[in-house]
Amino acid sequence: MFQNRQSCYIRMMREVANRLSMNIIVRVITSVLQDADNDSYDRVVIVYAVLGGLSVFVSFCLVGLSYATVDLGHLQWTRKQRLARVEILVARRERFMTSARSRNKKLSMGLFVACMMLVAGSWAAYFWGVATGNNN
């Protein structure tokens, strides 16, 4: 029970760190673009339109992959479907922990390093914005 609660807190902290990091980076970039364009929102609107389009693209990709693979598909299942298909989930979990363990460990470490670089980049962007006055 305690282990599940602890992993839930870790996931929440990771989500908050990612959201705050991206928020800081986008805010500093858009403020620099706005200052360079004499306080016009023309370039800023383009940035947010591109970010919105990319979000829609990623959402469609995730929905498509959830129908194609069990690994993402089980996130869409109801509780009754998960209980009825527990053998599939157990087999995927065993595969994740045994046969593909070294690949998954490398992938997890790479994603962790990428997340830490994102956080460090957001700190650098924040302090750069403070130093140059672009972080109001």
Protein backbone atom coordinates (compact mmCIF):
# COMPACT_ATOMS: atom_id res chain seq x y z
CA MET A 1 0.00 0.00 0.00
CA PHE A 2 2.75 2.44 0.98
CA GLN A 3 4.73 1.67 -2.18
CA ASN A 4 1.72 2.50 -4.41
CA ARG A 5 1.16 5.78 -2.59
CA GLN A 6 4.84 6.68 -2.87
CA SER A 7 4.92 5.96 -6.62
CA CYS A 8 1.76 8.05 -7.02
CA TYR A 9 3.49 10.99 -5.34
CA ILE A 10 6.56 10.54 -7.54
CA ARG A 11 4.38 10.57 -10.67
CA MET A 12 2.60 13.71 -9.48
CA MET A 13 5.91 15.47 -8.77
CA ARG A 14 7.21 14.51 -12.22
CA GLU A 15 4.07 15.83 -13.90
CA VAL A 16 4.26 19.12 -12.00
CA ALA A 17 7.96 19.51 -12.80
CA ASN A 18 7.35 18.91 -16.51
CA ARG A 19 4.38 21.29 -16.63
CA LEU A 20 6.22 24.07 -14.80
CA SER A 21 9.36 23.60 -16.89
CA MET A 22 7.48 23.87 -20.17
CA ASN A 23 5.46 26.82 -18.86
CA ILE A 24 8.63 28.74 -17.96
CA ILE A 25 10.35 27.97 -21.26
CA VAL A 26 7.32 28.96 -23.36
CA ARG A 27 6.74 32.10 -21.30
CA VAL A 28 10.33 33.31 -21.71
CA ILE A 29 10.38 32.50 -25.44
CA THR A 30 7.09 34.28 -26.09
CA SER A 31 8.14 37.33 -24.06
CA VAL A 32 11.37 37.59 -26.06
CA LEU A 33 9.42 37.28 -29.32
CA GLN A 34 6.95 39.92 -28.18
CA ASP A 35 9.73 42.32 -27.14
CA ALA A 36 11.54 41.84 -30.45
CA ASP A 37 8.35 42.67 -32.36
CA ASN A 38 7.60 45.97 -30.52
CA ASP A 39 5.04 44.42 -28.14
CA SER A 40 3.05 42.89 -30.99
CA TYR A 41 1.37 39.52 -30.49
CA ASP A 42 1.88 38.38 -34.11
CA ARG A 43 4.78 36.00 -33.43
CA VAL A 44 3.39 34.94 -30.07
CA VAL A 45 0.13 33.81 -31.66
CA ILE A 46 2.10 31.72 -34.14
CA VAL A 47 3.97 30.01 -31.30
CA TYR A 48 0.77 29.16 -29.45
CA ALA A 49 -0.94 28.01 -32.67
CA VAL A 50 1.97 25.65 -33.40
CA LEU A 51 1.90 24.34 -29.81
CA GLY A 52 -1.85 23.77 -30.07
CA GLY A 53 -1.48 21.96 -33.39
CA LEU A 54 1.26 19.74 -31.99
CA SER A 55 -0.94 18.92 -28.98
CA VAL A 56 -3.79 17.84 -31.27
CA PHE A 57 -1.36 15.74 -33.35
CA VAL A 58 0.02 13.99 -30.26
CA SER A 59 -3.52 13.37 -28.98
CA PHE A 60 -4.56 11.73 -32.24
CA CYS A 61 -1.40 9.61 -32.24
CA LEU A 62 -2.08 8.44 -28.68
CA VAL A 63 -5.70 7.57 -29.47
CA GLY A 64 -4.62 5.67 -32.58
CA LEU A 65 -1.92 3.78 -30.71
CA SER A 66 -4.34 2.95 -27.89
CA TYR A 67 -6.44 0.97 -30.37
CA ALA A 68 -3.38 -0.65 -31.96
CA THR A 69 -1.45 -1.79 -28.86
CA VAL A 70 -2.35 -3.30 -25.54
CA ASP A 71 0.24 -1.19 -23.73
CA LEU A 72 -1.65 2.05 -24.41
CA GLY A 73 -5.03 0.43 -24.96
CA HIS A 74 -5.44 -0.69 -21.37
CA LEU A 75 -5.52 2.96 -20.35
CA GLN A 76 -8.86 3.24 -22.18
CA TRP A 77 -10.36 0.07 -20.69
CA THR A 78 -13.01 0.17 -18.01
CA ARG A 79 -12.40 -1.58 -14.70
CA LYS A 80 -14.49 -4.57 -15.83
CA GLN A 81 -12.44 -4.86 -19.03
CA ARG A 82 -9.18 -4.71 -17.08
CA LEU A 83 -10.38 -7.43 -14.69
CA ALA A 84 -11.55 -9.60 -17.59
CA ARG A 85 -8.22 -9.21 -19.42
CA VAL A 86 -5.92 -9.48 -16.42
CA GLU A 87 -3.95 -12.33 -18.06
CA ILE A 88 -2.91 -10.01 -20.90
CA LEU A 89 -1.81 -7.32 -18.47
CA VAL A 90 0.17 -9.78 -16.33
CA ALA A 91 1.91 -11.16 -19.44
CA ARG A 92 2.84 -7.64 -20.59
CA ARG A 93 4.13 -6.78 -17.11
CA GLU A 94 6.26 -9.94 -17.01
CA ARG A 95 7.64 -9.16 -20.46
CA PHE A 96 8.47 -5.64 -19.33
CA MET A 97 10.26 -6.88 -16.22
CA THR A 98 12.13 -9.87 -17.70
CA SER A 99 12.83 -10.19 -21.41
CA ALA A 100 12.97 -6.49 -22.27
CA ARG A 101 14.40 -5.38 -18.94
CA SER A 102 17.75 -4.04 -20.17
CA ARG A 103 16.13 -2.12 -23.04
CA ASN A 104 13.47 -0.69 -20.74
CA LYS A 105 16.08 0.27 -18.15
CA LYS A 106 18.10 2.18 -20.77
CA LEU A 107 14.95 3.84 -22.11
CA SER A 108 13.82 4.84 -18.61
CA MET A 109 17.24 6.29 -17.79
CA GLY A 110 17.29 8.22 -21.06
CA LEU A 111 13.83 9.66 -20.40
CA PHE A 112 14.84 10.57 -16.85
CA VAL A 113 17.92 12.41 -18.15
CA ALA A 114 15.74 14.21 -20.73
CA CYS A 115 13.33 15.26 -17.96
CA MET A 116 16.20 16.59 -15.84
CA MET A 117 17.57 18.49 -18.85
CA LEU A 118 14.12 19.99 -19.36
CA VAL A 119 14.02 21.16 -15.75
CA ALA A 120 17.58 22.53 -15.96
CA GLY A 121 16.72 24.28 -19.23
CA SER A 122 13.69 25.89 -17.66
CA TRP A 123 15.81 27.16 -14.76
CA ALA A 124 18.34 28.57 -17.22
CA ALA A 125 15.55 30.22 -19.22
CA TYR A 126 14.00 31.65 -16.06
CA PHE A 127 17.26 33.12 -14.78
CA TRP A 128 18.14 34.41 -18.25
CA GLY A 129 14.75 36.10 -18.33
CA VAL A 130 15.34 37.62 -14.90
CA ALA A 131 18.79 38.88 -15.91
CA THR A 132 17.57 40.45 -19.16
CA GLY A 133 14.22 41.72 -17.85
CA ASN A 134 12.15 39.39 -20.04
CA ASN A 135 10.51 37.60 -17.13
CA ASN A 136 7.80 39.93 -15.89
